[in-house]
N, C-alpha and C. Protein backbone atom coordinates (compact mmCIF):
# COMPACT_ATOMS: atom_id res chain seq x y z
N MET A 1 -24.73 145.04 8.83
CA MET A 1 -23.72 145.16 9.27
C MET A 1 -22.45 146.71 9.14
N GLU A 2 -22.01 146.39 10.64
CA GLU A 2 -21.40 147.99 10.53
C GLU A 2 -19.27 148.01 10.78
N THR A 3 -18.90 148.59 10.01
CA THR A 3 -17.44 148.80 10.13
C THR A 3 -16.83 149.95 10.37
N GLN A 4 -15.84 150.45 10.52
CA GLN A 4 -15.00 151.40 10.58
C GLN A 4 -13.54 151.92 10.03
N ARG A 5 -13.42 153.06 9.93
CA ARG A 5 -12.30 153.09 9.17
C ARG A 5 -11.87 153.95 9.35
N LEU A 6 -10.12 154.04 9.83
CA LEU A 6 -9.66 155.39 10.21
C LEU A 6 -9.34 155.89 8.68
N VAL A 7 -9.49 157.46 8.26
CA VAL A 7 -8.78 158.15 7.29
C VAL A 7 -7.07 158.45 8.12
N LEU A 8 -6.30 157.98 6.75
CA LEU A 8 -4.82 157.94 6.87
C LEU A 8 -4.57 158.88 6.09
N PRO A 9 -3.30 159.31 5.91
CA PRO A 9 -2.23 160.29 5.42
C PRO A 9 -2.67 159.58 3.49
N GLU A 10 -2.34 158.43 3.37
CA GLU A 10 -2.36 157.87 1.72
C GLU A 10 -3.73 158.09 1.69
N ASP A 11 -5.17 158.28 2.22
CA ASP A 11 -6.38 158.67 1.83
C ASP A 11 -6.63 159.20 1.38
N LEU A 12 -5.31 160.79 1.44
CA LEU A 12 -6.05 162.08 1.50
C LEU A 12 -5.90 162.77 -0.22
N ASN A 13 -6.69 163.68 -0.53
CA ASN A 13 -6.13 163.81 -2.08
C ASN A 13 -5.13 165.15 -1.90
N HIS A 14 -4.63 165.54 -2.88
CA HIS A 14 -4.09 167.11 -2.59
C HIS A 14 -4.08 168.44 -2.24
N LEU A 15 -5.32 168.17 -1.27
CA LEU A 15 -5.76 169.39 -0.72
C LEU A 15 -6.52 169.27 0.87
N GLY A 16 -6.23 167.80 1.42
CA GLY A 16 -5.51 166.98 2.42
C GLY A 16 -7.16 166.54 2.98
N PHE A 17 -8.19 166.04 2.02
CA PHE A 17 -9.31 165.49 2.23
C PHE A 17 -9.67 164.83 1.78
N LEU A 18 -10.15 163.65 2.30
CA LEU A 18 -10.47 162.03 2.00
C LEU A 18 -10.67 162.19 0.59
N PHE A 19 -9.79 161.33 -0.19
CA PHE A 19 -10.16 161.12 -1.37
C PHE A 19 -11.30 160.58 -1.85
N GLY A 20 -12.30 161.04 -2.68
CA GLY A 20 -13.84 160.47 -2.96
C GLY A 20 -13.96 158.79 -3.46
N GLY A 21 -12.58 158.76 -4.03
CA GLY A 21 -12.73 157.53 -4.88
C GLY A 21 -12.42 156.19 -3.66
N ARG A 22 -11.67 156.54 -2.71
CA ARG A 22 -11.42 155.92 -1.75
C ARG A 22 -12.42 155.71 -0.93
N LEU A 23 -13.28 157.10 -0.40
CA LEU A 23 -14.72 156.24 0.39
C LEU A 23 -15.41 155.27 -0.33
N LEU A 24 -15.76 155.30 -2.34
CA LEU A 24 -16.52 154.84 -2.57
C LEU A 24 -16.01 153.11 -2.35
N ALA A 25 -14.67 153.18 -2.40
CA ALA A 25 -13.73 151.76 -2.56
C ALA A 25 -14.32 151.12 -0.82
N TRP A 26 -14.37 151.24 0.13
CA TRP A 26 -14.85 150.92 1.36
C TRP A 26 -16.07 150.92 1.30
N VAL A 27 -16.84 151.85 0.65
CA VAL A 27 -18.26 151.59 0.92
C VAL A 27 -18.94 150.08 0.34
N ASP A 28 -18.23 150.02 -1.59
CA ASP A 28 -18.70 148.91 -1.94
C ASP A 28 -17.38 148.09 -1.33
N GLU A 29 -17.24 147.36 -0.83
CA GLU A 29 -16.20 147.02 0.09
C GLU A 29 -17.04 146.10 1.79
N ALA A 30 -16.92 147.23 1.82
CA ALA A 30 -18.53 146.95 3.34
C ALA A 30 -19.68 146.57 2.84
N SER A 31 -20.29 146.58 1.98
CA SER A 31 -21.74 145.83 1.33
C SER A 31 -21.36 144.87 0.80
N TRP A 32 -20.78 144.91 -0.03
CA TRP A 32 -20.27 143.36 -0.68
C TRP A 32 -19.90 142.22 0.77
N ILE A 33 -19.21 142.83 1.82
CA ILE A 33 -19.16 141.98 2.75
C ILE A 33 -20.40 141.66 3.39
N ALA A 34 -21.36 142.31 3.63
CA ALA A 34 -22.71 142.31 3.99
C ALA A 34 -23.32 141.37 3.31
N ALA A 35 -23.02 141.88 2.10
CA ALA A 35 -23.99 140.71 0.62
C ALA A 35 -23.79 139.34 1.29
N SER A 36 -22.34 139.51 0.88
CA SER A 36 -21.68 137.97 1.19
C SER A 36 -21.76 137.17 2.64
N LEU A 37 -21.80 137.66 3.16
CA LEU A 37 -22.52 137.24 4.54
C LEU A 37 -23.75 136.85 4.97
N ASP A 38 -24.36 137.48 4.18
CA ASP A 38 -26.07 137.30 4.05
C ASP A 38 -26.52 135.98 2.91
N TYR A 39 -25.49 135.91 2.39
CA TYR A 39 -25.99 134.80 1.08
C TYR A 39 -24.17 134.18 0.97
N PRO A 40 -24.38 133.52 1.82
CA PRO A 40 -22.53 132.58 1.46
C PRO A 40 -22.47 132.50 0.52
N HIS A 41 -23.66 131.66 0.04
CA HIS A 41 -23.70 130.80 -1.40
C HIS A 41 -23.18 131.49 -2.77
N CYS A 42 -23.29 132.40 -2.40
CA CYS A 42 -23.40 133.36 -3.51
C CYS A 42 -21.72 134.07 -3.84
N GLN A 43 -21.90 134.11 -5.54
CA GLN A 43 -20.57 135.35 -5.39
C GLN A 43 -21.14 136.49 -6.29
N PHE A 44 -21.00 137.50 -6.13
CA PHE A 44 -21.73 138.95 -6.01
C PHE A 44 -20.83 139.89 -6.96
N VAL A 45 -20.78 140.49 -7.99
CA VAL A 45 -20.45 141.60 -8.31
C VAL A 45 -21.44 142.90 -7.93
N THR A 46 -20.62 143.65 -8.15
CA THR A 46 -21.26 145.24 -8.14
C THR A 46 -21.92 145.42 -9.59
N ILE A 47 -23.45 146.64 -9.29
CA ILE A 47 -24.03 146.77 -10.69
C ILE A 47 -24.14 147.81 -10.50
N ALA A 48 -24.55 148.24 -9.37
CA ALA A 48 -24.51 150.31 -9.32
C ALA A 48 -24.75 150.47 -7.83
N MET A 49 -24.51 151.73 -7.78
CA MET A 49 -24.25 152.68 -6.80
C MET A 49 -25.32 153.91 -7.18
N ASP A 50 -27.01 154.16 -6.44
CA ASP A 50 -28.00 154.95 -7.14
C ASP A 50 -27.29 156.47 -6.83
N ARG A 51 -26.56 156.71 -6.10
CA ARG A 51 -26.00 157.84 -5.77
C ARG A 51 -24.55 158.40 -5.37
N VAL A 52 -23.92 159.23 -6.21
CA VAL A 52 -22.84 159.68 -5.16
C VAL A 52 -22.75 160.94 -5.16
N GLU A 53 -22.88 161.54 -3.90
CA GLU A 53 -22.78 162.97 -2.90
C GLU A 53 -22.21 162.95 -1.98
N PHE A 54 -20.80 163.51 -1.55
CA PHE A 54 -20.26 163.65 -0.91
C PHE A 54 -20.91 164.92 0.30
N ARG A 55 -21.33 164.69 1.02
CA ARG A 55 -22.21 165.82 1.79
C ARG A 55 -21.15 166.33 2.47
N HIS A 56 -19.90 165.96 3.38
CA HIS A 56 -19.18 166.48 4.63
C HIS A 56 -17.74 166.09 3.91
N ALA A 57 -17.02 167.27 3.67
CA ALA A 57 -15.20 166.86 3.83
C ALA A 57 -14.86 166.55 4.82
N VAL A 58 -14.12 165.10 4.58
CA VAL A 58 -13.70 164.32 5.86
C VAL A 58 -11.99 164.59 6.20
N ARG A 59 -11.31 165.20 7.15
CA ARG A 59 -9.77 165.20 7.45
C ARG A 59 -9.19 164.34 7.92
N GLN A 60 -8.16 163.74 7.85
CA GLN A 60 -6.89 162.84 8.47
C GLN A 60 -7.28 162.86 9.44
N GLY A 61 -7.82 161.36 10.28
CA GLY A 61 -7.72 161.03 11.41
C GLY A 61 -9.06 160.96 11.81
N THR A 62 -10.06 161.17 10.86
CA THR A 62 -11.54 160.75 11.49
C THR A 62 -11.71 159.25 11.40
N ILE A 63 -12.67 158.74 12.42
CA ILE A 63 -12.82 157.13 12.34
C ILE A 63 -14.48 157.28 11.59
N LEU A 64 -14.58 156.98 10.89
CA LEU A 64 -16.20 156.65 9.96
C LEU A 64 -16.68 155.26 10.50
N SER A 65 -17.85 155.09 10.37
CA SER A 65 -18.98 154.28 10.69
C SER A 65 -19.07 154.05 9.37
N ILE A 66 -19.17 153.05 9.14
CA ILE A 66 -20.24 152.46 7.99
C ILE A 66 -21.26 151.64 7.95
N THR A 67 -22.53 151.53 8.13
CA THR A 67 -23.31 150.63 7.94
C THR A 67 -23.96 150.17 6.70
N CYS A 68 -24.28 149.25 6.31
CA CYS A 68 -25.25 148.50 5.49
C CYS A 68 -26.50 147.85 6.01
N GLU A 69 -27.29 148.09 5.00
CA GLU A 69 -28.79 147.43 5.57
C GLU A 69 -29.43 146.81 4.36
N ARG A 70 -29.75 145.87 4.07
CA ARG A 70 -30.18 145.15 3.33
C ARG A 70 -31.64 145.42 2.84
N VAL A 71 -32.18 146.17 1.82
CA VAL A 71 -33.17 146.79 1.39
C VAL A 71 -33.97 146.08 0.24
N LYS A 72 -33.78 145.31 -0.04
CA LYS A 72 -34.63 144.64 -1.55
C LYS A 72 -33.93 143.32 -1.56
N GLU A 73 -34.37 142.59 -1.83
CA GLU A 73 -34.30 141.33 -2.50
C GLU A 73 -34.69 141.25 -3.71
N GLY A 74 -34.03 140.90 -5.11
CA GLY A 74 -34.52 140.61 -6.17
C GLY A 74 -34.61 138.85 -6.46
N THR A 75 -34.71 138.31 -7.93
CA THR A 75 -34.73 137.02 -7.87
C THR A 75 -32.82 136.73 -7.87
N THR A 76 -32.31 137.86 -8.72
CA THR A 76 -30.61 137.46 -8.56
C THR A 76 -29.80 138.48 -8.24
N SER A 77 -30.77 139.87 -7.70
CA SER A 77 -30.11 140.46 -7.01
C SER A 77 -30.66 140.88 -5.49
N VAL A 78 -29.75 141.93 -5.30
CA VAL A 78 -30.13 141.94 -3.63
C VAL A 78 -29.22 143.89 -3.76
N CYS A 79 -29.58 144.75 -2.64
CA CYS A 79 -29.96 145.98 -2.89
C CYS A 79 -29.37 146.50 -1.53
N TYR A 80 -28.49 147.02 -0.58
CA TYR A 80 -27.83 147.49 0.18
C TYR A 80 -28.54 148.84 0.41
N ASP A 81 -28.40 149.71 1.28
CA ASP A 81 -29.01 151.06 1.48
C ASP A 81 -27.12 151.20 2.76
N VAL A 82 -26.71 152.02 2.44
CA VAL A 82 -25.46 152.07 2.92
C VAL A 82 -25.23 153.84 3.68
N LYS A 83 -24.93 153.66 4.78
CA LYS A 83 -25.06 155.40 5.57
C LYS A 83 -23.01 155.30 6.13
N VAL A 84 -22.73 156.24 5.89
CA VAL A 84 -21.57 156.65 6.72
C VAL A 84 -21.47 158.04 7.49
N HIS A 85 -20.70 158.05 8.64
CA HIS A 85 -20.86 158.92 9.90
C HIS A 85 -19.65 159.22 10.26
N ASP A 86 -19.20 160.52 10.70
CA ASP A 86 -18.29 160.81 11.84
C ASP A 86 -18.65 159.67 13.06
N ARG A 87 -17.76 158.65 13.35
CA ARG A 87 -17.58 157.73 14.22
C ARG A 87 -17.52 158.50 15.48
N ARG A 88 -17.39 159.82 15.50
CA ARG A 88 -17.32 160.37 16.73
C ARG A 88 -18.28 161.52 16.93
N ASN A 89 -19.00 161.52 15.69
CA ASN A 89 -20.15 162.72 15.69
C ASN A 89 -21.53 161.79 15.18
N LEU A 90 -21.97 161.24 16.24
CA LEU A 90 -22.81 159.99 15.21
C LEU A 90 -24.49 161.15 14.90
N ARG A 91 -24.34 162.02 15.70
CA ARG A 91 -25.10 163.13 16.01
C ARG A 91 -25.49 163.98 14.69
N ALA A 92 -24.96 163.75 14.05
CA ALA A 92 -24.41 164.80 12.57
C ALA A 92 -25.08 164.21 11.70
N SER A 93 -25.59 164.73 10.37
CA SER A 93 -25.96 163.57 8.95
C SER A 93 -24.94 162.77 8.84
N ALA A 94 -25.17 162.54 7.83
CA ALA A 94 -24.69 162.06 7.41
C ALA A 94 -23.32 162.13 6.14
N ILE A 95 -22.06 161.81 6.63
CA ILE A 95 -21.18 162.01 5.00
C ILE A 95 -21.75 161.82 3.61
N PHE A 96 -22.29 160.63 3.87
CA PHE A 96 -22.19 160.26 2.69
C PHE A 96 -23.65 158.93 2.71
N THR A 97 -23.98 158.80 1.69
CA THR A 97 -25.29 157.66 1.55
C THR A 97 -25.92 157.29 0.16
N THR A 98 -25.59 155.76 0.28
CA THR A 98 -26.25 155.57 -1.03
C THR A 98 -27.14 153.64 -0.97
N HIS A 99 -27.16 153.64 -1.99
CA HIS A 99 -28.07 152.45 -2.55
C HIS A 99 -26.71 151.15 -3.31
N VAL A 100 -26.31 150.28 -2.68
CA VAL A 100 -25.37 149.62 -3.72
C VAL A 100 -26.47 148.35 -3.66
N THR A 101 -26.33 147.87 -5.62
CA THR A 101 -26.96 146.91 -5.75
C THR A 101 -25.94 145.90 -6.24
N TYR A 102 -25.91 144.76 -6.16
CA TYR A 102 -25.39 143.42 -6.43
C TYR A 102 -26.06 142.77 -7.10
N VAL A 103 -25.47 141.51 -8.15
CA VAL A 103 -26.05 140.40 -8.84
C VAL A 103 -25.42 139.62 -8.62
N SER A 104 -26.00 138.25 -8.14
CA SER A 104 -25.03 137.03 -8.37
C SER A 104 -24.91 136.61 -9.88
N VAL A 105 -23.33 135.58 -9.63
CA VAL A 105 -23.12 135.10 -10.86
C VAL A 105 -22.64 133.90 -10.83
N ASP A 106 -22.36 133.04 -12.06
CA ASP A 106 -21.79 132.07 -11.72
C ASP A 106 -20.22 131.85 -12.71
N ASP A 107 -19.62 130.86 -12.16
CA ASP A 107 -18.31 131.14 -12.38
C ASP A 107 -17.86 131.72 -14.14
N SER A 108 -18.89 131.81 -14.97
CA SER A 108 -18.79 132.28 -15.98
C SER A 108 -19.44 133.86 -16.49
N GLY A 109 -20.05 134.53 -14.87
CA GLY A 109 -20.33 135.46 -15.03
C GLY A 109 -22.05 135.43 -15.49
N ARG A 110 -22.46 135.18 -15.28
CA ARG A 110 -23.72 134.89 -15.97
C ARG A 110 -24.81 135.08 -14.93
N LYS A 111 -25.65 135.35 -14.35
CA LYS A 111 -26.73 135.71 -13.82
C LYS A 111 -27.24 134.11 -13.03
N ARG A 112 -27.04 134.46 -11.73
CA ARG A 112 -27.66 132.98 -11.09
C ARG A 112 -28.80 133.66 -9.93
N ALA A 113 -29.75 132.85 -9.37
CA ALA A 113 -30.48 132.87 -8.41
C ALA A 113 -29.63 133.14 -7.03
N ILE A 114 -30.56 134.00 -6.17
CA ILE A 114 -29.40 134.08 -5.27
C ILE A 114 -30.37 132.55 -4.09
N ARG A 115 -31.13 132.41 -4.34
CA ARG A 115 -32.35 131.18 -3.26
C ARG A 115 -32.44 130.27 -3.88
């Protein structure tokens, strides 16, 4: 799955760069959507991001491309590889990459099988 985000003034930190927490929220949202589309009968919660390392600064007006690819499926969990690129410069190295893991839960918050 792929989605795009436009970096707006309200997304910036005090130095004029994309606030890291905003990018993390976008990554979590995009990969949660991917998991929910792949497993529409499940309720997912985030349990892990394997690495948080911002490789390039991002300025206002940048169009980000966020791609999510399922890389591992367990009994109750699923993991997605997430890459964030500058949409106008896809040949450049990724701005951010991580693996996001979700666990399927029931209405009481207990783990539930995804299949």
